[in-house]
Amino acid sequence: MNTIIILTVLVVIFALTFDFINGFHDTANAIATSVSTRALPPRVAIIMAATMNFIGAITFVGVAKALTKDIVDPFSLNAFQGDTTGSVVILAALISAIIWNLLTWYFGIPSSSSHTLIGSIAGAAVASAGFSVLNYGGFTKIIMALVLSPLIAICAGFLMMTLFKLWFKNLNLYRTNKGFRTMQIFTAAIQSFTHGTNDAQKAMGIMTMALIAGGLHTGDEIPFWIRAAAATAMGLGTSIGGYKIIKTVGGKIMKIRPVNGVAADLASATVIFGATLVHLPVSTTHVISSSIMGVGSAQRVRGVNWGMARKIVTTWIITMPISAVMASVIYFILSLFF
């Protein structure tokens, strides 16, 4: 069989594997607050999240198109070292991202699948052709979105919780909690939908890049079979669940009550969906964790576990450079065989 075909098939398999892992790694964040407040049993929350993730993933393609061309120009990858270079770059990036996701999932750290994938693509591409291969305009735009979105989410969470405190200050605490616990069912569904609109797009973009790099596709349109496959993989991954991440996000950052969960869900869903509408990939992990920190700060600054928050932020910072180095090493290993 033609080497390009073999590599493209491998990329599709690993991209769907990445999406599957992303499902139980990142989607846990979307339902963490509703599970921690007992608004939904874990199994019901996971089934709902899987369904909403699938719907969100198959509905939008803007982020996938941006990822296809904004980090590295897939049409230029094969011009440097032969026909298989682009496919090897993408395969190395996927393997690196999968390894990092599994490591952080194992230790229950809510790291960013977006950061590891983008860092891995950049690292593998630079290893293949030097820094000139990067699309600096698009790459800078993506980095800015990844950096600014958690800050915006903290502010959104703080603002949302502050408004809730003003609006519901005279209501009975028990009745308020009961009402917000019911509302969390809907906010968790919205959260899962927005997660699908952004995170599933990344695997779609990667698979389209592989087709372009292998000379099997032209233009940046996302084929429907890629959209359906990525949405299905993420939905299946979500159905497996991510209880380690749920425990960290849902309880270790702050003690979450129903009103906090609704505020955090609405704030983070707004930021994620806003990014989807302007075709920017953001880290749903960062946005959701940051919105919880913002909500906690609005309620009581000392109520936030800043030690856990620092651990999460540290993981955010180190994910991209570690992924880039790991992907470059994997690229050099793979290039010995392809």
C-alpha atoms as a PDB file:
ATOM      1  CA  MET A   1       0.000   0.000   0.000  1.00  0.00           C
ATOM      2  CA  ASN A   2       1.179   3.560  -0.717  1.00  0.00           C
ATOM      3  CA  THR A   3       3.066   5.052   2.254  1.00  0.00           C
ATOM      4  CA  ILE A   4       0.974   8.233   2.121  1.00  0.00           C
ATOM      5  CA  ILE A   5      -2.237   6.208   2.418  1.00  0.00           C
ATOM      6  CA  ILE A   6      -0.838   4.241   5.369  1.00  0.00           C
ATOM      7  CA  LEU A   7       0.208   7.428   7.155  1.00  0.00           C
ATOM      8  CA  THR A   8      -3.128   9.118   6.471  1.00  0.00           C
ATOM      9  CA  VAL A   9      -5.034   6.125   7.853  1.00  0.00           C
ATOM     10  CA  LEU A  10      -2.802   6.171  10.950  1.00  0.00           C
ATOM     11  CA  VAL A  11      -3.427   9.892  11.416  1.00  0.00           C
ATOM     12  CA  VAL A  12      -7.195   9.390  11.196  1.00  0.00           C
ATOM     13  CA  ILE A  13      -7.022   6.533  13.735  1.00  0.00           C
ATOM     14  CA  PHE A  14      -4.887   8.548  16.158  1.00  0.00           C
ATOM     15  CA  ALA A  15      -7.001  11.698  15.648  1.00  0.00           C
ATOM     16  CA  LEU A  16     -10.153   9.789  16.563  1.00  0.00           C
ATOM     17  CA  THR A  17      -8.292   8.254  19.519  1.00  0.00           C
ATOM     18  CA  PHE A  18      -7.325  11.774  20.614  1.00  0.00           C
ATOM     19  CA  ASP A  19     -10.956  12.865  20.295  1.00  0.00           C
ATOM     20  CA  PHE A  20     -12.114   9.823  22.269  1.00  0.00           C
ATOM     21  CA  ILE A  21      -9.613  10.590  25.057  1.00  0.00           C
ATOM     22  CA  ASN A  22     -10.589  14.255  24.897  1.00  0.00           C
ATOM     23  CA  GLY A  23     -14.157  13.124  25.518  1.00  0.00           C
ATOM     24  CA  PHE A  24     -13.428  11.613  28.919  1.00  0.00           C
ATOM     25  CA  HIS A  25     -10.522  13.966  29.706  1.00  0.00           C
ATOM     26  CA  ASP A  26     -12.081  17.358  29.013  1.00  0.00           C
ATOM     27  CA  THR A  27     -15.816  16.742  29.057  1.00  0.00           C
ATOM     28  CA  ALA A  28     -15.568  15.884  32.732  1.00  0.00           C
ATOM     29  CA  ASN A  29     -15.019  19.589  33.261  1.00  0.00           C
ATOM     30  CA  ALA A  30     -18.362  20.401  31.647  1.00  0.00           C
ATOM     31  CA  ILE A  31     -20.356  18.291  34.110  1.00  0.00           C
ATOM     32  CA  ALA A  32     -18.126  18.571  37.190  1.00  0.00           C
ATOM     33  CA  THR A  33     -20.191  21.214  38.947  1.00  0.00           C
ATOM     34  CA  SER A  34     -23.537  19.484  38.369  1.00  0.00           C
ATOM     35  CA  VAL A  35     -22.153  16.172  39.671  1.00  0.00           C
ATOM     36  CA  SER A  36     -20.457  17.746  42.706  1.00  0.00           C
ATOM     37  CA  THR A  37     -23.710  19.430  43.817  1.00  0.00           C
ATOM     38  CA  ARG A  38     -25.710  16.240  43.150  1.00  0.00           C
ATOM     39  CA  ALA A  39     -27.876  18.029  40.603  1.00  0.00           C
ATOM     40  CA  LEU A  40     -27.281  15.011  38.386  1.00  0.00           C
ATOM     41  CA  PRO A  41     -26.062  11.471  39.129  1.00  0.00           C
ATOM     42  CA  PRO A  42     -22.677  10.877  37.438  1.00  0.00           C
ATOM     43  CA  ARG A  43     -24.026   8.320  34.945  1.00  0.00           C
ATOM     44  CA  VAL A  44     -26.939  10.519  33.860  1.00  0.00           C
ATOM     45  CA  ALA A  45     -24.654  13.563  33.593  1.00  0.00           C
ATOM     46  CA  ILE A  46     -22.195  11.657  31.423  1.00  0.00           C
ATOM     47  CA  ILE A  47     -24.905  10.348  29.063  1.00  0.00           C
ATOM     48  CA  MET A  48     -26.357  13.842  28.731  1.00  0.00           C
ATOM     49  CA  ALA A  49     -22.901  15.324  28.142  1.00  0.00           C
ATOM     50  CA  ALA A  50     -22.113  12.714  25.486  1.00  0.00           C
ATOM     51  CA  THR A  51     -25.324  13.521  23.626  1.00  0.00           C
ATOM     52  CA  MET A  52     -24.866  17.288  23.792  1.00  0.00           C
ATOM     53  CA  ASN A  53     -21.201  16.970  22.839  1.00  0.00           C
ATOM     54  CA  PHE A  54     -22.152  15.055  19.706  1.00  0.00           C
ATOM     55  CA  ILE A  55     -24.761  17.644  18.715  1.00  0.00           C
ATOM     56  CA  GLY A  56     -22.349  20.524  19.301  1.00  0.00           C
ATOM     57  CA  ALA A  57     -19.500  18.806  17.481  1.00  0.00           C
ATOM     58  CA  ILE A  58     -21.450  18.080  14.327  1.00  0.00           C
ATOM     59  CA  THR A  59     -23.037  21.551  14.154  1.00  0.00           C
ATOM     60  CA  PHE A  60     -19.985  23.823  13.780  1.00  0.00           C
ATOM     61  CA  VAL A  61     -16.780  23.686  11.684  1.00  0.00           C
ATOM     62  CA  GLY A  62     -15.238  27.175  11.978  1.00  0.00           C
ATOM     63  CA  VAL A  63     -12.676  26.220  14.622  1.00  0.00           C
ATOM     64  CA  ALA A  64     -11.655  23.150  12.597  1.00  0.00           C
ATOM     65  CA  LYS A  65     -11.000  25.326   9.543  1.00  0.00           C
ATOM     66  CA  ALA A  66      -8.906  27.742  11.605  1.00  0.00           C
ATOM     67  CA  LEU A  67      -6.832  24.924  13.090  1.00  0.00           C
ATOM     68  CA  THR A  68      -6.302  23.436   9.614  1.00  0.00           C
ATOM     69  CA  LYS A  69      -4.402  26.479   8.368  1.00  0.00           C
ATOM     70  CA  ASP A  70      -3.569  28.886  11.216  1.00  0.00           C
ATOM     71  CA  ILE A  71      -0.705  27.018  12.958  1.00  0.00           C
ATOM     72  CA  VAL A  72       1.055  25.543   9.938  1.00  0.00           C
ATOM     73  CA  ASP A  73       0.162  25.777   6.264  1.00  0.00           C
ATOM     74  CA  PRO A  74      -0.614  22.123   5.399  1.00  0.00           C
ATOM     75  CA  PHE A  75      -0.005  22.812   1.707  1.00  0.00           C
ATOM     76  CA  SER A  76       3.628  23.733   2.456  1.00  0.00           C
ATOM     77  CA  LEU A  77       4.586  20.815   4.699  1.00  0.00           C
ATOM     78  CA  ASN A  78       5.483  18.375   1.930  1.00  0.00           C
ATOM     79  CA  ALA A  79       7.626  20.897   0.077  1.00  0.00           C
ATOM     80  CA  PHE A  80      10.568  20.516   2.435  1.00  0.00           C
ATOM     81  CA  GLN A  81      11.587  16.888   2.759  1.00  0.00           C
ATOM     82  CA  GLY A  82       9.467  14.741   0.490  1.00  0.00           C
ATOM     83  CA  ASP A  83       5.924  13.570   0.183  1.00  0.00           C
ATOM     84  CA  THR A  84       5.501  12.012   3.642  1.00  0.00           C
ATOM     85  CA  THR A  85       6.792  14.886   5.775  1.00  0.00           C
ATOM     86  CA  GLY A  86       3.439  16.519   6.444  1.00  0.00           C
ATOM     87  CA  SER A  87       1.763  13.265   7.415  1.00  0.00           C
ATOM     88  CA  VAL A  88       4.632  12.329   9.755  1.00  0.00           C
ATOM     89  CA  VAL A  89       4.445  15.778  11.393  1.00  0.00           C
ATOM     90  CA  ILE A  90       0.735  15.376  12.097  1.00  0.00           C
ATOM     91  CA  LEU A  91       1.103  11.791  13.330  1.00  0.00           C
ATOM     92  CA  ALA A  92       3.921  12.814  15.706  1.00  0.00           C
ATOM     93  CA  ALA A  93       1.795  15.678  17.048  1.00  0.00           C
ATOM     94  CA  LEU A  94      -1.140  13.369  17.739  1.00  0.00           C
ATOM     95  CA  ILE A  95       0.965  10.752  19.516  1.00  0.00           C
ATOM     96  CA  SER A  96       2.520  13.461  21.691  1.00  0.00           C
ATOM     97  CA  ALA A  97      -0.873  14.977  22.555  1.00  0.00           C
ATOM     98  CA  ILE A  98      -2.358  11.573  23.414  1.00  0.00           C
ATOM     99  CA  ILE A  99       0.557  10.727  25.730  1.00  0.00           C
ATOM    100  CA  TRP A 100       0.233  14.028  27.602  1.00  0.00           C
ATOM    101  CA  ASN A 101      -3.550  13.722  27.913  1.00  0.00           C
ATOM    102  CA  LEU A 102      -3.291  10.220  29.354  1.00  0.00           C
ATOM    103  CA  LEU A 103      -0.584  11.250  31.830  1.00  0.00           C
ATOM    104  CA  THR A 104      -2.557  14.223  33.147  1.00  0.00           C
ATOM    105  CA  TRP A 105      -5.786  12.209  33.220  1.00  0.00           C
ATOM    106  CA  TYR A 106      -4.061   9.481  35.255  1.00  0.00           C
ATOM    107  CA  PHE A 107      -2.958  12.016  37.864  1.00  0.00           C
ATOM    108  CA  GLY A 108      -6.333  13.813  37.824  1.00  0.00           C
ATOM    109  CA  ILE A 109      -4.890  17.126  36.590  1.00  0.00           C
ATOM    110  CA  PRO A 110      -7.259  19.159  34.395  1.00  0.00           C
ATOM    111  CA  SER A 111      -4.701  20.072  31.746  1.00  0.00           C
ATOM    112  CA  SER A 112      -5.605  21.426  28.326  1.00  0.00           C
ATOM    113  CA  SER A 113      -6.075  19.155  25.321  1.00  0.00           C
ATOM    114  CA  SER A 114      -5.965  22.311  23.206  1.00  0.00           C
ATOM    115  CA  HIS A 115      -2.585  23.376  24.572  1.00  0.00           C
ATOM    116  CA  THR A 116      -1.019  19.962  24.133  1.00  0.00           C
ATOM    117  CA  LEU A 117      -2.341  19.536  20.580  1.00  0.00           C
ATOM    118  CA  ILE A 118      -1.314  23.007  19.400  1.00  0.00           C
ATOM    119  CA  GLY A 119       2.083  22.770  21.099  1.00  0.00           C
ATOM    120  CA  SER A 120       2.615  19.333  19.578  1.00  0.00           C
ATOM    121  CA  ILE A 121       1.745  20.479  16.046  1.00  0.00           C
ATOM    122  CA  ALA A 122       4.135  23.427  16.337  1.00  0.00           C
ATOM    123  CA  GLY A 123       6.933  21.283  17.821  1.00  0.00           C
ATOM    124  CA  ALA A 124       6.709  18.548  15.197  1.00  0.00           C
ATOM    125  CA  ALA A 125       6.489  21.081  12.337  1.00  0.00           C
ATOM    126  CA  VAL A 126       9.518  23.018  13.586  1.00  0.00           C
ATOM    127  CA  ALA A 127      11.458  19.755  13.941  1.00  0.00           C
ATOM    128  CA  SER A 128      10.690  18.948  10.313  1.00  0.00           C
ATOM    129  CA  ALA A 129      11.386  22.315   8.658  1.00  0.00           C
ATOM    130  CA  GLY A 130      12.506  24.945  11.159  1.00  0.00           C
ATOM    131  CA  PHE A 131      10.636  27.886  12.625  1.00  0.00           C
ATOM    132  CA  SER A 132       9.876  29.363   9.203  1.00  0.00           C
ATOM    133  CA  VAL A 133       7.154  26.727   8.694  1.00  0.00           C
ATOM    134  CA  LEU A 134       4.924  28.293  11.363  1.00  0.00           C
ATOM    135  CA  ASN A 135       2.117  30.603  10.298  1.00  0.00           C
ATOM    136  CA  TYR A 136       3.006  33.303  12.821  1.00  0.00           C
ATOM    137  CA  GLY A 137      -0.099  35.415  12.236  1.00  0.00           C
ATOM    138  CA  GLY A 138      -2.518  32.560  12.860  1.00  0.00           C
ATOM    139  CA  PHE A 139      -0.356  30.945  15.543  1.00  0.00           C
ATOM    140  CA  THR A 140      -0.146  34.214  17.510  1.00  0.00           C
ATOM    141  CA  LYS A 141      -3.926  34.654  17.253  1.00  0.00           C
ATOM    142  CA  ILE A 142      -4.492  31.169  18.675  1.00  0.00           C
ATOM    143  CA  ILE A 143      -1.987  31.687  21.513  1.00  0.00           C
ATOM    144  CA  MET A 144      -3.651  34.988  22.421  1.00  0.00           C
ATOM    145  CA  ALA A 145      -7.033  33.248  22.537  1.00  0.00           C
ATOM    146  CA  LEU A 146      -5.636  30.510  24.790  1.00  0.00           C
ATOM    147  CA  VAL A 147      -4.019  33.054  27.133  1.00  0.00           C
ATOM    148  CA  LEU A 148      -6.846  35.581  27.305  1.00  0.00           C
ATOM    149  CA  SER A 149      -9.823  33.204  27.520  1.00  0.00           C
ATOM    150  CA  PRO A 150      -9.088  32.030  31.109  1.00  0.00           C
ATOM    151  CA  LEU A 151      -8.693  35.657  32.224  1.00  0.00           C
ATOM    152  CA  ILE A 152     -11.994  36.546  30.572  1.00  0.00           C
ATOM    153  CA  ALA A 153     -13.580  33.477  32.211  1.00  0.00           C
ATOM    154  CA  ILE A 154     -12.393  34.545  35.684  1.00  0.00           C
ATOM    155  CA  CYS A 155     -13.959  37.973  35.154  1.00  0.00           C
ATOM    156  CA  ALA A 156     -17.140  36.425  33.717  1.00  0.00           C
ATOM    157  CA  GLY A 157     -17.452  34.044  36.674  1.00  0.00           C
ATOM    158  CA  PHE A 158     -16.859  36.869  39.162  1.00  0.00           C
ATOM    159  CA  LEU A 159     -19.433  39.081  37.432  1.00  0.00           C
ATOM    160  CA  MET A 160     -22.027  36.319  37.115  1.00  0.00           C
ATOM    161  CA  MET A 161     -21.755  35.354  40.797  1.00  0.00           C
ATOM    162  CA  THR A 162     -21.863  39.006  41.875  1.00  0.00           C
ATOM    163  CA  LEU A 163     -25.080  39.515  39.892  1.00  0.00           C
ATOM    164  CA  PHE A 164     -26.600  36.359  41.388  1.00  0.00           C
ATOM    165  CA  LYS A 165     -25.796  37.611  44.905  1.00  0.00           C
ATOM    166  CA  LEU A 166     -27.593  40.875  44.159  1.00  0.00           C
ATOM    167  CA  TRP A 167     -30.595  39.310  42.416  1.00  0.00           C
ATOM    168  CA  PHE A 168     -31.279  36.520  44.914  1.00  0.00           C
ATOM    169  CA  LYS A 169     -30.087  38.033  48.208  1.00  0.00           C
ATOM    170  CA  ASN A 170     -33.592  38.155  49.699  1.00  0.00           C
ATOM    171  CA  LEU A 171     -34.645  34.614  48.774  1.00  0.00           C
ATOM    172  CA  ASN A 172     -34.789  31.637  51.108  1.00  0.00           C
ATOM    173  CA  LEU A 173     -31.447  29.800  50.926  1.00  0.00           C
ATOM    174  CA  TYR A 174     -32.977  26.303  50.806  1.00  0.00           C
ATOM    175  CA  ARG A 175     -35.459  27.191  48.050  1.00  0.00           C
ATOM    176  CA  THR A 176     -32.768  29.020  46.102  1.00  0.00           C
ATOM    177  CA  ASN A 177     -30.424  26.037  46.234  1.00  0.00           C
ATOM    178  CA  LYS A 178     -33.219  23.690  45.193  1.00  0.00           C
ATOM    179  CA  GLY A 179     -34.106  25.901  42.220  1.00  0.00           C
ATOM    180  CA  PHE A 180     -30.503  26.300  41.145  1.00  0.00           C
ATOM    181  CA  ARG A 181     -29.920  22.553  41.443  1.00  0.00           C
ATOM    182  CA  THR A 182     -32.728  22.037  38.909  1.00  0.00           C
ATOM    183  CA  MET A 183     -31.320  24.790  36.716  1.00  0.00           C
ATOM    184  CA  GLN A 184     -27.927  23.054  36.728  1.00  0.00           C
ATOM    185  CA  ILE A 185     -29.370  20.268  34.574  1.00  0.00           C
ATOM    186  CA  PHE A 186     -29.884  22.814  31.793  1.00  0.00           C
ATOM    187  CA  THR A 187     -26.640  24.717  32.331  1.00  0.00           C
ATOM    188  CA  ALA A 188     -24.648  21.470  32.289  1.00  0.00           C
ATOM    189  CA  ALA A 189     -26.322  20.588  28.979  1.00  0.00           C
ATOM    190  CA  ILE A 190     -25.421  24.010  27.558  1.00  0.00           C
ATOM    191  CA  GLN A 191     -21.882  23.615  28.845  1.00  0.00           C
ATOM    192  CA  SER A 192     -21.518  20.216  27.157  1.00  0.00           C
ATOM    193  CA  PHE A 193     -22.950  21.558  23.893  1.00  0.00           C
ATOM    194  CA  THR A 194     -20.467  24.450  23.784  1.00  0.00           C
ATOM    195  CA  HIS A 195     -17.637  22.038  24.605  1.00  0.00           C
ATOM    196  CA  GLY A 196     -18.564  20.024  21.526  1.00  0.00           C
ATOM    197  CA  THR A 197     -18.703  23.130  19.341  1.00  0.00           C
ATOM    198  CA  ASN A 198     -15.069  23.934  20.158  1.00  0.00           C
ATOM    199  CA  ASP A 199     -13.081  20.917  21.328  1.00  0.00           C
ATOM    200  CA  ALA A 200     -14.260  18.336  18.791  1.00  0.00           C
ATOM    201  CA  GLN A 201     -13.293  20.753  16.040  1.00  0.00           C
ATOM    202  CA  LYS A 202      -9.601  20.215  16.781  1.00  0.00           C
ATOM    203  CA  ALA A 203      -9.545  16.579  15.685  1.00  0.00           C
ATOM    204  CA  MET A 204     -11.557  17.535  12.597  1.00  0.00           C
ATOM    205  CA  GLY A 205      -8.940  20.122  11.708  1.00  0.00           C
ATOM    206  CA  ILE A 206      -6.105  17.637  12.242  1.00  0.00           C
ATOM    207  CA  MET A 207      -7.673  14.997   9.994  1.00  0.00           C
ATOM    208  CA  THR A 208      -8.316  17.570   7.285  1.00  0.00           C
ATOM    209  CA  MET A 209      -4.679  18.703   7.572  1.00  0.00           C
ATOM    210  CA  ALA A 210      -3.578  15.100   7.049  1.00  0.00           C
ATOM    211  CA  LEU A 211      -5.713  14.754   3.922  1.00  0.00           C
ATOM    212  CA  ILE A 212      -4.297  18.003   2.518  1.00  0.00           C
ATOM    213  CA  ALA A 213      -0.695  17.105   3.431  1.00  0.00           C
ATOM    214  CA  GLY A 214      -1.139  13.731   1.750  1.00  0.00           C
ATOM    215  CA  GLY A 215      -2.522  15.311  -1.415  1.00  0.00           C
ATOM    216  CA  LEU A 216      -5.909  13.683  -0.847  1.00  0.00           C
ATOM    217  CA  HIS A 217      -7.950  16.848  -0.282  1.00  0.00           C
ATOM    218  CA  THR A 218      -7.919  20.446  -1.498  1.00  0.00           C
ATOM    219  CA  GLY A 219      -9.228  23.507   0.274  1.00  0.00           C
ATOM    220  CA  ASP A 220     -10.085  23.829   3.960  1.00  0.00           C
ATOM    221  CA  GLU A 221     -13.656  22.488   3.829  1.00  0.00           C
ATOM    222  CA  ILE A 222     -14.243  19.776   6.425  1.00  0.00           C
ATOM    223  CA  PRO A 223     -15.662  16.588   4.822  1.00  0.00           C
ATOM    224  CA  PHE A 224     -18.892  15.401   6.440  1.00  0.00           C
ATOM    225  CA  TRP A 225     -17.479  11.953   7.252  1.00  0.00           C
ATOM    226  CA  ILE A 226     -14.741  13.651   9.317  1.00  0.00           C
ATOM    227  CA  ARG A 227     -17.320  15.726  11.183  1.00  0.00           C
ATOM    228  CA  ALA A 228     -19.458  12.667  11.926  1.00  0.00           C
ATOM    229  CA  ALA A 229     -16.482  10.510  12.945  1.00  0.00           C
ATOM    230  CA  ALA A 230     -15.001  13.147  15.279  1.00  0.00           C
ATOM    231  CA  ALA A 231     -18.367  13.890  16.885  1.00  0.00           C
ATOM    232  CA  THR A 232     -18.995  10.169  17.442  1.00  0.00           C
ATOM    233  CA  ALA A 233     -15.522   9.587  18.926  1.00  0.00           C
ATOM    234  CA  MET A 234     -15.940  12.462  21.370  1.00  0.00           C
ATOM    235  CA  GLY A 235     -19.434  11.316  22.315  1.00  0.00           C
ATOM    236  CA  LEU A 236     -18.191   7.772  22.999  1.00  0.00           C
ATOM    237  CA  GLY A 237     -15.255   9.102  25.003  1.00  0.00           C
ATOM    238  CA  THR A 238     -17.589  11.236  27.060  1.00  0.00           C
ATOM    239  CA  SER A 239     -19.742   8.210  27.821  1.00  0.00           C
ATOM    240  CA  ILE A 240     -16.722   6.560  29.491  1.00  0.00           C
ATOM    241  CA  GLY A 241     -16.526   9.456  31.952  1.00  0.00           C
ATOM    242  CA  GLY A 242     -13.658  11.182  33.676  1.00  0.00           C
ATOM    243  CA  TYR A 243     -14.213  10.825  37.386  1.00  0.00           C
ATOM    244  CA  LYS A 244     -10.659  11.844  38.356  1.00  0.00           C
ATOM    245  CA  ILE A 245     -11.065  15.210  36.614  1.00  0.00           C
ATOM    246  CA  ILE A 246     -14.612  15.646  37.980  1.00  0.00           C
ATOM    247  CA  LYS A 247     -13.255  15.251  41.510  1.00  0.00           C
ATOM    248  CA  THR A 248     -10.563  17.896  40.970  1.00  0.00           C
ATOM    249  CA  VAL A 249     -12.673  20.503  39.163  1.00  0.00           C
ATOM    250  CA  GLY A 250     -15.878  19.864  41.077  1.00  0.00           C
ATOM    251  CA  GLY A 251     -14.522  19.909  44.593  1.00  0.00           C
ATOM    252  CA  LYS A 252     -10.849  20.697  44.994  1.00  0.00           C
ATOM    253  CA  ILE A 253     -10.890  24.250  43.603  1.00  0.00           C
ATOM    254  CA  MET A 254     -13.699  25.370  45.928  1.00  0.00           C
ATOM    255  CA  LYS A 255     -16.746  23.976  47.702  1.00  0.00           C
ATOM    256  CA  ILE A 256     -19.474  24.313  45.084  1.00  0.00           C
ATOM    257  CA  ARG A 257     -23.131  24.942  45.854  1.00  0.00           C
ATOM    258  CA  PRO A 258     -25.851  24.886  43.157  1.00  0.00           C
ATOM    259  CA  VAL A 259     -25.829  28.671  42.738  1.00  0.00           C
ATOM    260  CA  ASN A 260     -22.046  28.579  42.210  1.00  0.00           C
ATOM    261  CA  GLY A 261     -22.397  25.770  39.685  1.00  0.00           C
ATOM    262  CA  VAL A 262     -24.997  27.645  37.615  1.00  0.00           C
ATOM    263  CA  ALA A 263     -22.910  30.843  37.654  1.00  0.00           C
ATOM    264  CA  ALA A 264     -19.753  28.972  36.616  1.00  0.00           C
ATOM    265  CA  ASP A 265     -21.555  26.995  33.888  1.00  0.00           C
ATOM    266  CA  LEU A 266     -23.170  30.068  32.348  1.00  0.00           C
ATOM    267  CA  ALA A 267     -19.948  32.107  32.482  1.00  0.00           C
ATOM    268  CA  SER A 268     -17.761  29.439  30.923  1.00  0.00           C
ATOM    269  CA  ALA A 269     -20.343  28.409  28.300  1.00  0.00           C
ATOM    270  CA  THR A 270     -20.611  32.045  27.195  1.00  0.00           C
ATOM    271  CA  VAL A 271     -16.825  32.372  26.796  1.00  0.00           C
ATOM    272  CA  ILE A 272     -16.451  29.038  24.958  1.00  0.00           C
ATOM    273  CA  PHE A 273     -19.343  29.629  22.582  1.00  0.00           C
ATOM    274  CA  GLY A 274     -18.159  33.174  21.919  1.00  0.00           C
ATOM    275  CA  ALA A 275     -14.770  31.754  20.883  1.00  0.00           C
ATOM    276  CA  THR A 276     -16.499  29.208  18.633  1.00  0.00           C
ATOM    277  CA  LEU A 277     -18.449  31.948  16.869  1.00  0.00           C
ATOM    278  CA  VAL A 278     -15.223  33.821  16.014  1.00  0.00           C
ATOM    279  CA  HIS A 279     -13.498  30.548  14.997  1.00  0.00           C
ATOM    280  CA  LEU A 280     -10.913  30.484  17.780  1.00  0.00           C
ATOM    281  CA  PRO A 281      -9.874  27.296  19.596  1.00  0.00           C
ATOM    282  CA  VAL A 282      -9.781  27.777  23.358  1.00  0.00           C
ATOM    283  CA  SER A 283      -9.087  25.443  26.222  1.00  0.00           C
ATOM    284  CA  THR A 284     -12.409  24.397  27.694  1.00  0.00           C
ATOM    285  CA  THR A 285     -10.476  23.057  30.697  1.00  0.00           C
ATOM    286  CA  HIS A 286      -8.913  26.453  31.367  1.00  0.00           C
ATOM    287  CA  VAL A 287     -12.129  28.352  30.798  1.00  0.00           C
ATOM    288  CA  ILE A 288     -14.238  26.152  33.092  1.00  0.00           C
ATOM    289  CA  SER A 289     -11.633  26.017  35.881  1.00  0.00           C
ATOM    290  CA  SER A 290     -11.112  29.779  35.636  1.00  0.00           C
ATOM    291  CA  SER A 291     -14.822  30.545  35.782  1.00  0.00           C
ATOM    292  CA  ILE A 292     -15.050  28.471  38.981  1.00  0.00           C
ATOM    293  CA  MET A 293     -12.163  30.497  40.442  1.00  0.00           C
ATOM    294  CA  GLY A 294     -13.966  33.711  39.476  1.00  0.00           C
ATOM    295  CA  VAL A 295     -17.204  32.522  41.080  1.00  0.00           C
ATOM    296  CA  GLY A 296     -15.322  31.516  44.232  1.00  0.00           C
ATOM    297  CA  SER A 297     -13.568  34.881  44.399  1.00  0.00           C
ATOM    298  CA  ALA A 298     -16.895  36.725  44.167  1.00  0.00           C
ATOM    299  CA  GLN A 299     -18.259  34.685  47.049  1.00  0.00           C
ATOM    300  CA  ARG A 300     -15.196  34.558  49.302  1.00  0.00           C
ATOM    301  CA  VAL A 301     -11.592  34.818  48.109  1.00  0.00           C
ATOM    302  CA  ARG A 302     -10.369  32.562  50.908  1.00  0.00           C
ATOM    303  CA  GLY A 303     -12.933  29.960  49.887  1.00  0.00           C
ATOM    304  CA  VAL A 304     -10.905  29.180  46.759  1.00  0.00           C
ATOM    305  CA  ASN A 305      -8.224  26.511  47.115  1.00  0.00           C
ATOM    306  CA  TRP A 306      -5.462  28.626  45.610  1.00  0.00           C
ATOM    307  CA  GLY A 307      -2.934  25.820  46.133  1.00  0.00           C
ATOM    308  CA  MET A 308      -4.901  23.623  43.737  1.00  0.00           C
ATOM    309  CA  ALA A 309      -5.428  26.636  41.471  1.00  0.00           C
ATOM    310  CA  ARG A 310      -1.643  27.194  41.323  1.00  0.00           C
ATOM    311  CA  LYS A 311      -1.142  23.523  40.452  1.00  0.00           C
ATOM    312  CA  ILE A 312      -3.635  23.826  37.597  1.00  0.00           C
ATOM    313  CA  VAL A 313      -2.061  27.063  36.337  1.00  0.00           C
ATOM    314  CA  THR A 314       1.400  25.491  36.460  1.00  0.00           C
ATOM    315  CA  THR A 315       0.118  22.648  34.301  1.00  0.00           C
ATOM    316  CA  TRP A 316      -1.337  25.192  31.887  1.00  0.00           C
ATOM    317  CA  ILE A 317       2.062  26.895  31.557  1.00  0.00           C
ATOM    318  CA  ILE A 318       4.184  23.778  31.073  1.00  0.00           C
ATOM    319  CA  THR A 319       1.819  21.840  28.777  1.00  0.00           C
ATOM    320  CA  MET A 320       2.635  23.573  25.495  1.00  0.00           C
ATOM    321  CA  PRO A 321       6.476  23.595  25.719  1.00  0.00           C
ATOM    322  CA  ILE A 322       6.628  20.013  27.010  1.00  0.00           C
ATOM    323  CA  SER A 323       4.273  18.876  24.246  1.00  0.00           C
ATOM    324  CA  ALA A 324       6.348  20.702  21.620  1.00  0.00           C
ATOM    325  CA  VAL A 325       9.584  19.028  22.747  1.00  0.00           C
ATOM    326  CA  MET A 326       7.917  15.627  23.030  1.00  0.00           C
ATOM    327  CA  ALA A 327       6.393  15.936  19.542  1.00  0.00           C
ATOM    328  CA  SER A 328       9.736  16.935  18.009  1.00  0.00           C
ATOM    329  CA  VAL A 329      11.406  13.864  19.524  1.00  0.00           C
ATOM    330  CA  ILE A 330       8.586  11.614  18.291  1.00  0.00           C
ATOM    331  CA  TYR A 331       8.866  13.210  14.834  1.00  0.00           C
ATOM    332  CA  PHE A 332      12.574  12.347  14.607  1.00  0.00           C
ATOM    333  CA  ILE A 333      11.821   8.762  15.667  1.00  0.00           C
ATOM    334  CA  LEU A 334       9.004   8.357  13.137  1.00  0.00           C
ATOM    335  CA  SER A 335      11.087   9.911  10.343  1.00  0.00           C
ATOM    336  CA  LEU A 336      13.468   6.952  10.670  1.00  0.00           C
ATOM    337  CA  PHE A 337      10.678   4.657   9.490  1.00  0.00           C
ATOM    338  CA  PHE A 338       8.740   6.827   7.019  1.00  0.00           C
END
